[in-house]
Protein backbone atom coordinates (compact mmCIF):
# COMPACT_ATOMS: atom_id res chain seq x y z
CA UNK A 1 0.00 0.00 0.00
CA UNK A 2 2.91 2.32 0.77
CA UNK A 3 4.43 1.86 -2.70
CA UNK A 4 1.04 2.61 -4.26
CA UNK A 5 0.85 5.86 -2.30
CA UNK A 6 4.36 6.83 -3.44
CA UNK A 7 3.44 6.06 -7.09
CA UNK A 8 0.33 8.27 -6.91
CA UNK A 9 2.23 11.15 -5.24
CA UNK A 10 5.02 11.03 -7.84
CA UNK A 11 2.56 10.98 -10.74
CA UNK A 12 0.60 13.92 -9.34
CA UNK A 13 3.81 15.87 -8.64
CA UNK A 14 4.88 15.41 -12.26
CA UNK A 15 1.66 16.98 -13.56
CA UNK A 16 2.76 20.55 -12.74
CA UNK A 17 6.13 20.40 -14.58
CA UNK A 18 4.58 18.67 -17.61
CA UNK A 19 1.83 21.27 -17.76
CA UNK A 20 4.34 24.10 -17.48
CA UNK A 21 6.47 22.72 -20.33
CA UNK A 22 3.61 22.31 -22.79
CA UNK A 23 3.27 25.25 -25.16
CA UNK A 24 -0.30 26.51 -25.21
CA UNK A 25 -1.55 25.74 -28.71
CA UNK A 26 -5.07 25.82 -30.04
CA UNK A 27 -4.36 23.09 -32.64
CA UNK A 28 -5.28 20.24 -30.32
CA UNK A 29 -8.81 19.09 -29.54
CA UNK A 30 -9.96 19.75 -25.98
CA UNK A 31 -12.00 16.58 -25.44
CA UNK A 32 -11.55 12.93 -26.44
CA UNK A 33 -14.15 10.20 -26.23
CA UNK A 34 -12.64 6.75 -26.67
CA UNK A 35 -14.59 3.56 -27.21
CA UNK A 36 -12.46 0.43 -27.19
CA UNK A 37 -14.80 -2.10 -28.72
CA UNK A 38 -12.37 -5.05 -28.69
CA UNK A 39 -10.82 -5.61 -25.31
CA UNK A 40 -9.06 -8.55 -23.68
CA UNK A 41 -8.12 -8.71 -20.00
CA UNK A 42 -6.30 -11.40 -18.06
CA UNK A 43 -6.98 -11.13 -14.34
CA UNK A 44 -6.31 -13.80 -11.69
CA UNK A 45 -5.80 -16.48 -14.32
CA UNK A 46 -9.15 -15.72 -16.01
CA UNK A 47 -9.53 -14.70 -19.65
CA UNK A 48 -12.03 -11.82 -19.80
CA UNK A 49 -13.55 -10.11 -22.84
CA UNK A 50 -15.42 -6.82 -23.06
CA UNK A 51 -14.84 -3.16 -23.77
CA UNK A 52 -14.23 0.21 -22.21
CA UNK A 53 -15.31 3.80 -22.59
CA UNK A 54 -13.10 6.77 -21.71
CA UNK A 55 -13.61 10.51 -21.56
CA UNK A 56 -10.58 12.82 -21.57
CA UNK A 57 -10.43 16.54 -20.83
CA UNK A 58 -7.20 17.88 -22.34
CA UNK A 59 -5.55 20.72 -20.44
CA UNK A 60 -2.74 21.10 -23.00
CA UNK A 61 -1.16 19.22 -25.90
CA UNK A 62 0.75 17.10 -23.37
CA UNK A 63 -1.69 16.61 -20.46
CA UNK A 64 -5.24 15.34 -20.05
CA UNK A 65 -7.42 13.94 -17.30
CA UNK A 66 -9.19 10.61 -17.91
CA UNK A 67 -12.36 8.96 -16.65
CA UNK A 68 -12.40 5.30 -17.74
CA UNK A 69 -15.20 2.73 -17.38
CA UNK A 70 -14.54 -0.89 -18.39
CA UNK A 71 -16.65 -4.05 -18.28
CA UNK A 72 -15.08 -7.48 -18.86
CA UNK A 73 -16.51 -10.97 -18.37
CA UNK A 74 -15.79 -14.62 -18.98
CA UNK A 75 -17.84 -16.56 -21.48
CA UNK A 76 -20.07 -18.56 -22.06
CA UNK A 77 -21.99 -20.06 -19.06
CA UNK A 78 -20.13 -19.57 -15.79
CA UNK A 79 -19.84 -15.80 -15.88
CA UNK A 80 -17.40 -13.73 -13.87
CA UNK A 81 -17.90 -9.99 -14.50
CA UNK A 82 -15.49 -7.22 -13.50
CA UNK A 83 -16.51 -3.57 -13.82
CA UNK A 84 -13.82 -0.96 -13.19
CA UNK A 85 -14.06 2.82 -12.98
CA UNK A 86 -10.75 4.63 -12.83
CA UNK A 87 -9.57 8.24 -13.03
CA UNK A 88 -6.22 9.98 -13.43
CA UNK A 89 -3.74 11.87 -15.61
CA UNK A 90 -2.83 10.98 -19.20
CA UNK A 91 0.45 12.26 -20.65
CA UNK A 92 0.79 12.72 -24.43
CA UNK A 93 3.94 12.61 -26.56
CA UNK A 94 4.22 15.06 -29.48
CA UNK A 95 2.32 13.90 -32.57
CA UNK A 96 4.55 12.37 -35.25
CA UNK A 97 3.23 11.40 -38.70
CA UNK A 98 -0.39 11.40 -37.46
CA UNK A 99 0.57 9.07 -34.56
CA UNK A 100 0.15 10.08 -30.92
CA UNK A 101 1.50 7.99 -28.06
CA UNK A 102 0.26 8.39 -24.48
CA UNK A 103 0.86 7.05 -21.00
CA UNK A 104 -1.52 7.04 -18.05
CA UNK A 105 -1.87 6.22 -14.37
CA UNK A 106 -5.46 5.61 -13.27
CA UNK A 107 -6.94 4.74 -9.87
CA UNK A 108 -10.50 4.09 -8.76
CA UNK A 109 -12.81 1.25 -7.87
CA UNK A 110 -13.99 -2.13 -9.06
CA UNK A 111 -17.13 -4.23 -8.77
CA UNK A 112 -16.96 -8.00 -9.31
CA UNK A 113 -19.68 -10.63 -9.39
CA UNK A 114 -20.03 -14.18 -10.60
CA UNK A 115 -23.02 -16.17 -11.78
CA UNK A 116 -23.66 -19.53 -13.36
CA UNK A 117 -26.47 -20.75 -15.57
CA UNK A 118 -27.72 -24.33 -15.43
CA UNK A 119 -29.72 -25.64 -18.37
CA UNK A 120 -32.30 -28.37 -17.81
CA UNK A 121 -33.55 -30.93 -20.28
CA UNK A 122 -36.85 -29.68 -21.64
CA UNK A 123 -35.74 -26.11 -22.25
CA UNK A 124 -35.62 -24.59 -18.76
CA UNK A 125 -32.68 -22.84 -17.14
CA UNK A 126 -31.78 -21.26 -13.84
CA UNK A 127 -29.16 -18.66 -12.97
CA UNK A 128 -27.39 -18.50 -9.63
CA UNK A 129 -25.60 -15.29 -8.68
CA UNK A 130 -23.08 -15.04 -5.87
CA UNK A 131 -22.71 -11.94 -3.73
CA UNK A 132 -20.90 -9.05 -5.40
CA UNK A 133 -17.65 -7.61 -4.12
CA UNK A 134 -16.33 -4.03 -4.33
CA UNK A 135 -12.73 -2.93 -4.12
CA UNK A 136 -9.84 -0.80 -5.35
CA UNK A 137 -8.55 -0.69 -8.96
CA UNK A 138 -5.31 0.68 -10.41
CA UNK A 139 -4.13 0.80 -14.03
CA UNK A 140 -0.85 2.02 -15.52
CA UNK A 141 0.08 1.83 -19.17
CA UNK A 142 -0.34 3.61 -22.46
CA UNK A 143 -1.36 3.44 -26.05
CA UNK A 144 -1.00 4.66 -29.62
CA UNK A 145 -3.57 6.59 -31.68
CA UNK A 146 -3.58 7.09 -35.45
CA UNK A 147 -5.29 10.34 -36.52
CA UNK A 148 -7.54 9.72 -39.53
CA UNK A 149 -9.38 13.07 -39.48
CA UNK A 150 -8.87 16.00 -37.09
CA UNK A 151 -11.97 14.82 -35.17
CA UNK A 152 -11.49 11.02 -35.53
CA UNK A 153 -8.70 8.56 -34.68
CA UNK A 154 -8.14 4.82 -34.48
CA UNK A 155 -6.73 3.63 -31.16
CA UNK A 156 -4.35 1.06 -32.59
CA UNK A 157 -3.49 -0.37 -29.19
CA UNK A 158 -3.91 0.44 -25.53
CA UNK A 159 -2.19 -1.78 -22.98
CA UNK A 160 -2.41 -1.41 -19.21
CA UNK A 161 -1.15 -3.23 -16.15
CA UNK A 162 -4.24 -3.79 -13.99
CA UNK A 163 -4.25 -4.30 -10.24
CA UNK A 164 -7.46 -5.10 -8.37
CA UNK A 165 -7.89 -5.43 -4.63
CA UNK A 166 -11.09 -7.30 -3.67
CA UNK A 167 -11.97 -8.69 -0.23
CA UNK A 168 -8.37 -8.40 0.94
CA UNK A 169 -6.92 -10.26 -2.06
CA UNK A 170 -4.75 -8.52 -4.66
CA UNK A 171 -4.97 -9.56 -8.30
CA UNK A 172 -2.44 -8.52 -10.96
CA UNK A 173 -3.38 -8.58 -14.61
CA UNK A 174 -3.22 -6.94 -18.01
CA UNK A 175 -5.71 -5.28 -20.35
CA UNK A 176 -5.13 -4.91 -24.12
CA UNK A 177 -7.64 -3.29 -26.44
CA UNK A 178 -8.30 -1.38 -29.67
CA UNK A 179 -11.04 1.00 -30.70
CA UNK A 180 -12.00 4.44 -31.96
CA UNK A 181 -11.57 7.98 -30.62
CA UNK A 182 -13.71 11.03 -31.29
CA UNK A 183 -12.07 14.42 -30.68
CA UNK A 184 -13.91 17.70 -30.40
CA UNK A 185 -13.62 21.25 -29.04
CA UNK A 186 -10.84 23.82 -29.46
């Protein structure tokens, strides 16, 4: 827990120098909405599939603040669903040949639940749901966007280390996804 606190303090302390270095330009879009439609997560030995939605408010060409919501679950019958909501800074590298790289450190919460469906002969089924669990979520990673139009980009890849703490247990994992980004505002 102490190392997590140190990581958050260092990332927040670096926001001021990064913001001060960024030249104020009106060529960048102020808001990004990202929708990663293909997403794979590996958490606690489970393969999870889903997607995530992110909203970014850009303070400068180099700095933005992210709100990220992701839902991943196992398939097909015994379902384990993880919903995460994380917030934090995103740091952008200068755009080169329509490509923009970024890094981020996000912290927030998670909600996990599991359920199983039993099918009976004759067409009936029953679903059993176990109690849900809430906890802490952390993500650190980055990605690469390809600008197609000034208002539209393809998120080629986004990869994050994912740490979840549920009911006293810590789970380390990874999330890899691709999707689209809409940019608007000056």
